[in-house]
Amino acid sequence: DEPLAAASAFYATVLPLIIHDSATNIVLVFHPAD
């Protein structure tokens, strides 16, 4: 829920998957947040 912790988790776990994904176009779907 905390923005800094959320950003840290995103960059640590999701970003590497996206960078190495072979798809031409990607749309990330986040849960709603304030």
PDB file of all heavy atoms in Angstrom:
ATOM      1  N   ASP A   1       0.811  -1.221   0.000  1.00  0.00           N
ATOM      2  CA  ASP A   1       0.000   0.000   0.000  1.00  0.00           C
ATOM      3  C   ASP A   1       0.845   1.272   0.000  1.00  0.00           C
ATOM      4  O   ASP A   1       0.446   2.282  -0.570  1.00  0.00           O
ATOM      5  CB  ASP A   1      -0.932   0.030   1.215  1.00  0.00           C
ATOM      6  CG  ASP A   1      -2.035  -1.007   1.115  1.00  0.00           C
ATOM      7  OD1 ASP A   1      -2.407  -1.392  -0.017  1.00  0.00           O
ATOM      8  OD2 ASP A   1      -2.526  -1.437   2.169  1.00  0.00           O
ATOM      9  N   GLU A   2       1.990   1.240   0.648  1.00  0.00           N
ATOM     10  CA  GLU A   2       2.853   2.414   0.744  1.00  0.00           C
ATOM     11  C   GLU A   2       3.562   2.621  -0.596  1.00  0.00           C
ATOM     12  O   GLU A   2       4.130   1.678  -1.152  1.00  0.00           O
ATOM     13  CB  GLU A   2       3.855   2.187   1.880  1.00  0.00           C
ATOM     14  CG  GLU A   2       4.525   3.441   2.373  1.00  0.00           C
ATOM     15  CD  GLU A   2       5.729   3.837   1.543  1.00  0.00           C
ATOM     16  OE1 GLU A   2       6.518   2.964   1.115  1.00  0.00           O
ATOM     17  OE2 GLU A   2       5.877   5.048   1.307  1.00  0.00           O
ATOM     18  N   PRO A   3       3.524   3.829  -1.167  1.00  0.00           N
ATOM     19  CA  PRO A   3       4.066   4.064  -2.511  1.00  0.00           C
ATOM     20  C   PRO A   3       5.533   3.660  -2.703  1.00  0.00           C
ATOM     21  O   PRO A   3       5.868   3.038  -3.707  1.00  0.00           O
ATOM     22  CB  PRO A   3       3.880   5.565  -2.728  1.00  0.00           C
ATOM     23  CG  PRO A   3       2.785   5.952  -1.814  1.00  0.00           C
ATOM     24  CD  PRO A   3       2.897   5.041  -0.629  1.00  0.00           C
ATOM     25  N   LEU A   4       6.403   4.012  -1.776  1.00  0.00           N
ATOM     26  CA  LEU A   4       7.817   3.680  -1.933  1.00  0.00           C
ATOM     27  C   LEU A   4       8.043   2.174  -1.902  1.00  0.00           C
ATOM     28  O   LEU A   4       8.800   1.631  -2.709  1.00  0.00           O
ATOM     29  CB  LEU A   4       8.643   4.377  -0.845  1.00  0.00           C
ATOM     30  CG  LEU A   4      10.158   4.326  -1.025  1.00  0.00           C
ATOM     31  CD1 LEU A   4      10.577   4.898  -2.374  1.00  0.00           C
ATOM     32  CD2 LEU A   4      10.835   5.087   0.103  1.00  0.00           C
ATOM     33  N   ALA A   5       7.353   1.488  -1.022  1.00  0.00           N
ATOM     34  CA  ALA A   5       7.455   0.034  -0.954  1.00  0.00           C
ATOM     35  C   ALA A   5       6.874  -0.615  -2.210  1.00  0.00           C
ATOM     36  O   ALA A   5       7.415  -1.600  -2.727  1.00  0.00           O
ATOM     37  CB  ALA A   5       6.747  -0.498   0.282  1.00  0.00           C
ATOM     38  N   ALA A   6       5.785  -0.043  -2.719  1.00  0.00           N
ATOM     39  CA  ALA A   6       5.177  -0.574  -3.943  1.00  0.00           C
ATOM     40  C   ALA A   6       6.113  -0.399  -5.133  1.00  0.00           C
ATOM     41  O   ALA A   6       6.296  -1.319  -5.940  1.00  0.00           O
ATOM     42  CB  ALA A   6       3.845   0.122  -4.214  1.00  0.00           C
ATOM     43  N   ALA A   7       6.714   0.777  -5.251  1.00  0.00           N
ATOM     44  CA  ALA A   7       7.651   1.021  -6.344  1.00  0.00           C
ATOM     45  C   ALA A   7       8.844   0.081  -6.256  1.00  0.00           C
ATOM     46  O   ALA A   7       9.284  -0.495  -7.252  1.00  0.00           O
ATOM     47  CB  ALA A   7       8.123   2.477  -6.320  1.00  0.00           C
ATOM     48  N   SER A   8       9.357  -0.103  -5.056  1.00  0.00           N
ATOM     49  CA  SER A   8      10.490  -1.005  -4.851  1.00  0.00           C
ATOM     50  C   SER A   8      10.142  -2.430  -5.269  1.00  0.00           C
ATOM     51  O   SER A   8      10.918  -3.099  -5.972  1.00  0.00           O
ATOM     52  CB  SER A   8      10.913  -0.963  -3.381  1.00  0.00           C
ATOM     53  OG  SER A   8      11.972  -1.858  -3.152  1.00  0.00           O
ATOM     54  N   ALA A   9       8.970  -2.895  -4.863  1.00  0.00           N
ATOM     55  CA  ALA A   9       8.535  -4.252  -5.230  1.00  0.00           C
ATOM     56  C   ALA A   9       8.355  -4.368  -6.740  1.00  0.00           C
ATOM     57  O   ALA A   9       8.730  -5.386  -7.334  1.00  0.00           O
ATOM     58  CB  ALA A   9       7.241  -4.602  -4.509  1.00  0.00           C
ATOM     59  N   PHE A  10       7.799  -3.351  -7.365  1.00  0.00           N
ATOM     60  CA  PHE A  10       7.618  -3.361  -8.820  1.00  0.00           C
ATOM     61  C   PHE A  10       8.959  -3.482  -9.535  1.00  0.00           C
ATOM     62  O   PHE A  10       9.141  -4.334 -10.405  1.00  0.00           O
ATOM     63  CB  PHE A  10       6.890  -2.089  -9.281  1.00  0.00           C
ATOM     64  CG  PHE A  10       6.828  -1.951 -10.773  1.00  0.00           C
ATOM     65  CD1 PHE A  10       5.858  -2.616 -11.502  1.00  0.00           C
ATOM     66  CD2 PHE A  10       7.748  -1.168 -11.451  1.00  0.00           C
ATOM     67  CE1 PHE A  10       5.796  -2.502 -12.886  1.00  0.00           C
ATOM     68  CE2 PHE A  10       7.703  -1.039 -12.836  1.00  0.00           C
ATOM     69  CZ  PHE A  10       6.722  -1.712 -13.552  1.00  0.00           C
ATOM     70  N   TYR A  11       9.902  -2.614  -9.165  1.00  0.00           N
ATOM     71  CA  TYR A  11      11.201  -2.621  -9.832  1.00  0.00           C
ATOM     72  C   TYR A  11      11.978  -3.914  -9.572  1.00  0.00           C
ATOM     73  O   TYR A  11      12.724  -4.367 -10.437  1.00  0.00           O
ATOM     74  CB  TYR A  11      12.031  -1.406  -9.414  1.00  0.00           C
ATOM     75  CG  TYR A  11      11.578  -0.136 -10.102  1.00  0.00           C
ATOM     76  CD1 TYR A  11      10.923   0.866  -9.406  1.00  0.00           C
ATOM     77  CD2 TYR A  11      11.799   0.048 -11.463  1.00  0.00           C
ATOM     78  CE1 TYR A  11      10.499   2.027 -10.043  1.00  0.00           C
ATOM     79  CE2 TYR A  11      11.385   1.198 -12.107  1.00  0.00           C
ATOM     80  CZ  TYR A  11      10.738   2.186 -11.394  1.00  0.00           C
ATOM     81  OH  TYR A  11      10.319   3.326 -12.026  1.00  0.00           O
ATOM     82  N   ALA A  12      11.782  -4.519  -8.415  1.00  0.00           N
ATOM     83  CA  ALA A  12      12.514  -5.745  -8.084  1.00  0.00           C
ATOM     84  C   ALA A  12      11.909  -6.989  -8.723  1.00  0.00           C
ATOM     85  O   ALA A  12      12.644  -7.889  -9.137  1.00  0.00           O
ATOM     86  CB  ALA A  12      12.554  -5.927  -6.569  1.00  0.00           C
ATOM     87  N   THR A  13      10.582  -7.050  -8.834  1.00  0.00           N
ATOM     88  CA  THR A  13       9.965  -8.298  -9.284  1.00  0.00           C
ATOM     89  C   THR A  13       9.324  -8.236 -10.661  1.00  0.00           C
ATOM     90  O   THR A  13       9.406  -9.186 -11.421  1.00  0.00           O
ATOM     91  CB  THR A  13       8.898  -8.774  -8.276  1.00  0.00           C
ATOM     92  OG1 THR A  13       7.881  -7.776  -8.158  1.00  0.00           O
ATOM     93  CG2 THR A  13       9.507  -9.034  -6.909  1.00  0.00           C
ATOM     94  N   VAL A  14       8.678  -7.133 -10.986  1.00  0.00           N
ATOM     95  CA  VAL A  14       7.947  -7.048 -12.255  1.00  0.00           C
ATOM     96  C   VAL A  14       8.825  -6.536 -13.385  1.00  0.00           C
ATOM     97  O   VAL A  14       8.808  -7.076 -14.500  1.00  0.00           O
ATOM     98  CB  VAL A  14       6.686  -6.158 -12.101  1.00  0.00           C
ATOM     99  CG1 VAL A  14       5.935  -6.047 -13.414  1.00  0.00           C
ATOM    100  CG2 VAL A  14       5.783  -6.699 -11.011  1.00  0.00           C
ATOM    101  N   LEU A  15       9.593  -5.511 -13.129  1.00  0.00           N
ATOM    102  CA  LEU A  15      10.421  -4.906 -14.182  1.00  0.00           C
ATOM    103  C   LEU A  15      11.312  -5.908 -14.909  1.00  0.00           C
ATOM    104  O   LEU A  15      11.340  -5.919 -16.141  1.00  0.00           O
ATOM    105  CB  LEU A  15      11.242  -3.753 -13.610  1.00  0.00           C
ATOM    106  CG  LEU A  15      12.095  -2.996 -14.624  1.00  0.00           C
ATOM    107  CD1 LEU A  15      11.224  -2.297 -15.655  1.00  0.00           C
ATOM    108  CD2 LEU A  15      12.987  -2.011 -13.904  1.00  0.00           C
ATOM    109  N   PRO A  16      12.036  -6.789 -14.205  1.00  0.00           N
ATOM    110  CA  PRO A  16      12.880  -7.749 -14.932  1.00  0.00           C
ATOM    111  C   PRO A  16      12.081  -8.642 -15.888  1.00  0.00           C
ATOM    112  O   PRO A  16      12.562  -8.985 -16.970  1.00  0.00           O
ATOM    113  CB  PRO A  16      13.520  -8.580 -13.823  1.00  0.00           C
ATOM    114  CG  PRO A  16      13.487  -7.701 -12.616  1.00  0.00           C
ATOM    115  CD  PRO A  16      12.225  -6.896 -12.745  1.00  0.00           C
ATOM    116  N   LEU A  17      10.863  -8.989 -15.506  1.00  0.00           N
ATOM    117  CA  LEU A  17      10.031  -9.823 -16.380  1.00  0.00           C
ATOM    118  C   LEU A  17       9.629  -9.068 -17.646  1.00  0.00           C
ATOM    119  O   LEU A  17       9.589  -9.640 -18.735  1.00  0.00           O
ATOM    120  CB  LEU A  17       8.783 -10.285 -15.633  1.00  0.00           C
ATOM    121  CG  LEU A  17       9.019 -11.105 -14.370  1.00  0.00           C
ATOM    122  CD1 LEU A  17       7.706 -11.362 -13.650  1.00  0.00           C
ATOM    123  CD2 LEU A  17       9.726 -12.405 -14.703  1.00  0.00           C
ATOM    124  N   ILE A  18       9.328  -7.797 -17.505  1.00  0.00           N
ATOM    125  CA  ILE A  18       8.903  -6.984 -18.650  1.00  0.00           C
ATOM    126  C   ILE A  18      10.067  -6.750 -19.603  1.00  0.00           C
ATOM    127  O   ILE A  18       9.928  -6.863 -20.814  1.00  0.00           O
ATOM    128  CB  ILE A  18       8.330  -5.637 -18.171  1.00  0.00           C
ATOM    129  CG1 ILE A  18       7.075  -5.867 -17.349  1.00  0.00           C
ATOM    130  CG2 ILE A  18       8.031  -4.718 -19.346  1.00  0.00           C
ATOM    131  CD1 ILE A  18       6.651  -4.659 -16.558  1.00  0.00           C
ATOM    132  N   ILE A  19      11.209  -6.438 -19.053  1.00  0.00           N
ATOM    133  CA  ILE A  19      12.380  -6.146 -19.887  1.00  0.00           C
ATOM    134  C   ILE A  19      12.752  -7.355 -20.740  1.00  0.00           C
ATOM    135  O   ILE A  19      13.147  -7.208 -21.895  1.00  0.00           O
ATOM    136  CB  ILE A  19      13.566  -5.694 -19.018  1.00  0.00           C
ATOM    137  CG1 ILE A  19      13.267  -4.297 -18.457  1.00  0.00           C
ATOM    138  CG2 ILE A  19      14.860  -5.705 -19.796  1.00  0.00           C
ATOM    139  CD1 ILE A  19      14.279  -3.798 -17.467  1.00  0.00           C
ATOM    140  N   HIS A  20      12.600  -8.547 -20.206  1.00  0.00           N
ATOM    141  CA  HIS A  20      12.985  -9.755 -20.927  1.00  0.00           C
ATOM    142  C   HIS A  20      11.821 -10.418 -21.658  1.00  0.00           C
ATOM    143  O   HIS A  20      12.004 -11.473 -22.270  1.00  0.00           O
ATOM    144  CB  HIS A  20      13.660 -10.741 -19.973  1.00  0.00           C
ATOM    145  CG  HIS A  20      14.899 -10.173 -19.367  1.00  0.00           C
ATOM    146  ND1 HIS A  20      16.024  -9.896 -20.103  1.00  0.00           N
ATOM    147  CD2 HIS A  20      15.174  -9.773 -18.099  1.00  0.00           C
ATOM    148  CE1 HIS A  20      16.949  -9.374 -19.321  1.00  0.00           C
ATOM    149  NE2 HIS A  20      16.457  -9.283 -18.102  1.00  0.00           N
ATOM    150  N   ASP A  21      10.664  -9.797 -21.634  1.00  0.00           N
ATOM    151  CA  ASP A  21       9.490 -10.325 -22.338  1.00  0.00           C
ATOM    152  C   ASP A  21       9.662 -10.062 -23.829  1.00  0.00           C
ATOM    153  O   ASP A  21      10.095  -8.989 -24.232  1.00  0.00           O
ATOM    154  CB  ASP A  21       8.231  -9.635 -21.821  1.00  0.00           C
ATOM    155  CG  ASP A  21       6.960 -10.308 -22.294  1.00  0.00           C
ATOM    156  OD1 ASP A  21       6.787 -10.457 -23.520  1.00  0.00           O
ATOM    157  OD2 ASP A  21       6.141 -10.671 -21.442  1.00  0.00           O
ATOM    158  N   SER A  22       9.319 -11.018 -24.655  1.00  0.00           N
ATOM    159  CA  SER A  22       9.500 -10.862 -26.100  1.00  0.00           C
ATOM    160  C   SER A  22       8.300 -10.245 -26.798  1.00  0.00           C
ATOM    161  O   SER A  22       8.346 -10.033 -28.011  1.00  0.00           O
ATOM    162  CB  SER A  22       9.818 -12.224 -26.728  1.00  0.00           C
ATOM    163  OG  SER A  22       8.735 -13.106 -26.524  1.00  0.00           O
ATOM    164  N   ALA A  23       7.243  -9.928 -26.075  1.00  0.00           N
ATOM    165  CA  ALA A  23       6.056  -9.338 -26.698  1.00  0.00           C
ATOM    166  C   ALA A  23       6.389  -7.986 -27.308  1.00  0.00           C
ATOM    167  O   ALA A  23       7.196  -7.224 -26.770  1.00  0.00           O
ATOM    168  CB  ALA A  23       4.934  -9.179 -25.678  1.00  0.00           C
ATOM    169  N   THR A  24       5.764  -7.689 -28.428  1.00  0.00           N
ATOM    170  CA  THR A  24       5.995  -6.411 -29.090  1.00  0.00           C
ATOM    171  C   THR A  24       5.411  -5.254 -28.297  1.00  0.00           C
ATOM    172  O   THR A  24       6.014  -4.201 -28.185  1.00  0.00           O
ATOM    173  CB  THR A  24       5.385  -6.424 -30.508  1.00  0.00           C
ATOM    174  OG1 THR A  24       5.970  -7.506 -31.226  1.00  0.00           O
ATOM    175  CG2 THR A  24       5.639  -5.138 -31.231  1.00  0.00           C
ATOM    176  N   ASN A  25       4.233  -5.437 -27.758  1.00  0.00           N
ATOM    177  CA  ASN A  25       3.556  -4.393 -27.004  1.00  0.00           C
ATOM    178  C   ASN A  25       3.013  -4.979 -25.706  1.00  0.00           C
ATOM    179  O   ASN A  25       2.465  -6.077 -25.697  1.00  0.00           O
ATOM    180  CB  ASN A  25       2.402  -3.807 -27.818  1.00  0.00           C
ATOM    181  CG  ASN A  25       2.892  -3.210 -29.116  1.00  0.00           C
ATOM    182  OD1 ASN A  25       3.803  -2.403 -29.129  1.00  0.00           O
ATOM    183  ND2 ASN A  25       2.297  -3.624 -30.211  1.00  0.00           N
ATOM    184  N   ILE A  26       3.157  -4.216 -24.630  1.00  0.00           N
ATOM    185  CA  ILE A  26       2.739  -4.688 -23.315  1.00  0.00           C
ATOM    186  C   ILE A  26       1.862  -3.630 -22.655  1.00  0.00           C
ATOM    187  O   ILE A  26       2.163  -2.437 -22.716  1.00  0.00           O
ATOM    188  CB  ILE A  26       3.954  -4.981 -22.419  1.00  0.00           C
ATOM    189  CG1 ILE A  26       4.750  -6.151 -22.983  1.00  0.00           C
ATOM    190  CG2 ILE A  26       3.532  -5.252 -20.980  1.00  0.00           C
ATOM    191  CD1 ILE A  26       5.972  -6.518 -22.194  1.00  0.00           C
ATOM    192  N   VAL A  27       0.808  -4.094 -21.998  1.00  0.00           N
ATOM    193  CA  VAL A  27      -0.006  -3.236 -21.145  1.00  0.00           C
ATOM    194  C   VAL A  27      -0.013  -3.856 -19.763  1.00  0.00           C
ATOM    195  O   VAL A  27      -0.452  -4.992 -19.581  1.00  0.00           O
ATOM    196  CB  VAL A  27      -1.451  -3.084 -21.666  1.00  0.00           C
ATOM    197  CG1 VAL A  27      -2.273  -2.257 -20.688  1.00  0.00           C
ATOM    198  CG2 VAL A  27      -1.466  -2.446 -23.041  1.00  0.00           C
ATOM    199  N   LEU A  28       0.507  -3.112 -18.794  1.00  0.00           N
ATOM    200  CA  LEU A  28       0.493  -3.564 -17.412  1.00  0.00           C
ATOM    201  C   LEU A  28      -0.836  -3.169 -16.798  1.00  0.00           C
ATOM    202  O   LEU A  28      -1.334  -2.070 -17.049  1.00  0.00           O
ATOM    203  CB  LEU A  28       1.629  -2.917 -16.630  1.00  0.00           C
ATOM    204  CG  LEU A  28       3.009  -3.444 -16.980  1.00  0.00           C
ATOM    205  CD1 LEU A  28       3.580  -2.677 -18.143  1.00  0.00           C
ATOM    206  CD2 LEU A  28       3.900  -3.358 -15.796  1.00  0.00           C
ATOM    207  N   VAL A  29      -1.398  -4.058 -16.015  1.00  0.00           N
ATOM    208  CA  VAL A  29      -2.667  -3.782 -15.340  1.00  0.00           C
ATOM    209  C   VAL A  29      -2.405  -3.784 -13.838  1.00  0.00           C
ATOM    210  O   VAL A  29      -2.180  -4.829 -13.232  1.00  0.00           O
ATOM    211  CB  VAL A  29      -3.750  -4.812 -15.708  1.00  0.00           C
ATOM    212  CG1 VAL A  29      -5.046  -4.493 -14.977  1.00  0.00           C
ATOM    213  CG2 VAL A  29      -3.971  -4.831 -17.213  1.00  0.00           C
ATOM    214  N   PHE A  30      -2.403  -2.573 -13.270  1.00  0.00           N
ATOM    215  CA  PHE A  30      -2.202  -2.388 -11.841  1.00  0.00           C
ATOM    216  C   PHE A  30      -3.544  -2.439 -11.121  1.00  0.00           C
ATOM    217  O   PHE A  30      -4.571  -2.079 -11.690  1.00  0.00           O
ATOM    218  CB  PHE A  30      -1.598  -1.006 -11.557  1.00  0.00           C
ATOM    219  CG  PHE A  30      -0.156  -0.864 -11.916  1.00  0.00           C
ATOM    220  CD1 PHE A  30       0.220  -0.352 -13.149  1.00  0.00           C
ATOM    221  CD2 PHE A  30       0.836  -1.193 -11.008  1.00  0.00           C
ATOM    222  CE1 PHE A  30       1.558  -0.180 -13.484  1.00  0.00           C
ATOM    223  CE2 PHE A  30       2.176  -1.025 -11.326  1.00  0.00           C
ATOM    224  CZ  PHE A  30       2.540  -0.524 -12.569  1.00  0.00           C
ATOM    225  N   HIS A  31      -3.504  -2.806  -9.847  1.00  0.00           N
ATOM    226  CA  HIS A  31      -4.670  -2.649  -8.984  1.00  0.00           C
ATOM    227  C   HIS A  31      -4.870  -1.150  -8.775  1.00  0.00           C
ATOM    228  O   HIS A  31      -3.900  -0.387  -8.774  1.00  0.00           O
ATOM    229  CB  HIS A  31      -4.438  -3.329  -7.634  1.00  0.00           C
ATOM    230  CG  HIS A  31      -4.390  -4.808  -7.715  1.00  0.00           C
ATOM    231  ND1 HIS A  31      -5.478  -5.605  -7.455  1.00  0.00           N
ATOM    232  CD2 HIS A  31      -3.379  -5.656  -8.050  1.00  0.00           C
ATOM    233  CE1 HIS A  31      -5.134  -6.878  -7.616  1.00  0.00           C
ATOM    234  NE2 HIS A  31      -3.872  -6.928  -7.979  1.00  0.00           N
ATOM    235  N   PRO A  32      -6.100  -0.702  -8.592  1.00  0.00           N
ATOM    236  CA  PRO A  32      -6.313   0.721  -8.308  1.00  0.00           C
ATOM    237  C   PRO A  32      -5.546   1.136  -7.052  1.00  0.00           C
ATOM    238  O   PRO A  32      -5.368   0.344  -6.128  1.00  0.00           O
ATOM    239  CB  PRO A  32      -7.817   0.824  -8.075  1.00  0.00           C
ATOM    240  CG  PRO A  32      -8.397  -0.352  -8.775  1.00  0.00           C
ATOM    241  CD  PRO A  32      -7.371  -1.435  -8.653  1.00  0.00           C
ATOM    242  N   ALA A  33      -5.091   2.380  -7.050  1.00  0.00           N
ATOM    243  CA  ALA A  33      -4.387   2.935  -5.895  1.00  0.00           C
ATOM    244  C   ALA A  33      -4.693   4.423  -5.817  1.00  0.00           C
ATOM    245  O   ALA A  33      -5.128   5.024  -6.802  1.00  0.00           O
ATOM    246  CB  ALA A  33      -2.887   2.713  -6.030  1.00  0.00           C
ATOM    247  N   ASP A  34      -4.432   5.005  -4.656  1.00  0.00           N
ATOM    248  CA  ASP A  34      -4.696   6.431  -4.527  1.00  0.00           C
ATOM    249  C   ASP A  34      -3.642   7.258  -5.264  1.00  0.00           C
ATOM    250  O   ASP A  34      -2.705   6.718  -5.850  1.00  0.00           O
ATOM    251  CB  ASP A  34      -4.821   6.823  -3.048  1.00  0.00           C
ATOM    252  CG  ASP A  34      -3.516   6.666  -2.274  1.00  0.00           C
ATOM    253  OD1 ASP A  34      -2.431   6.771  -2.879  1.00  0.00           O
ATOM    254  OD2 ASP A  34      -3.586   6.449  -1.055  1.00  0.00           O
TER     255      ASP A  34
END
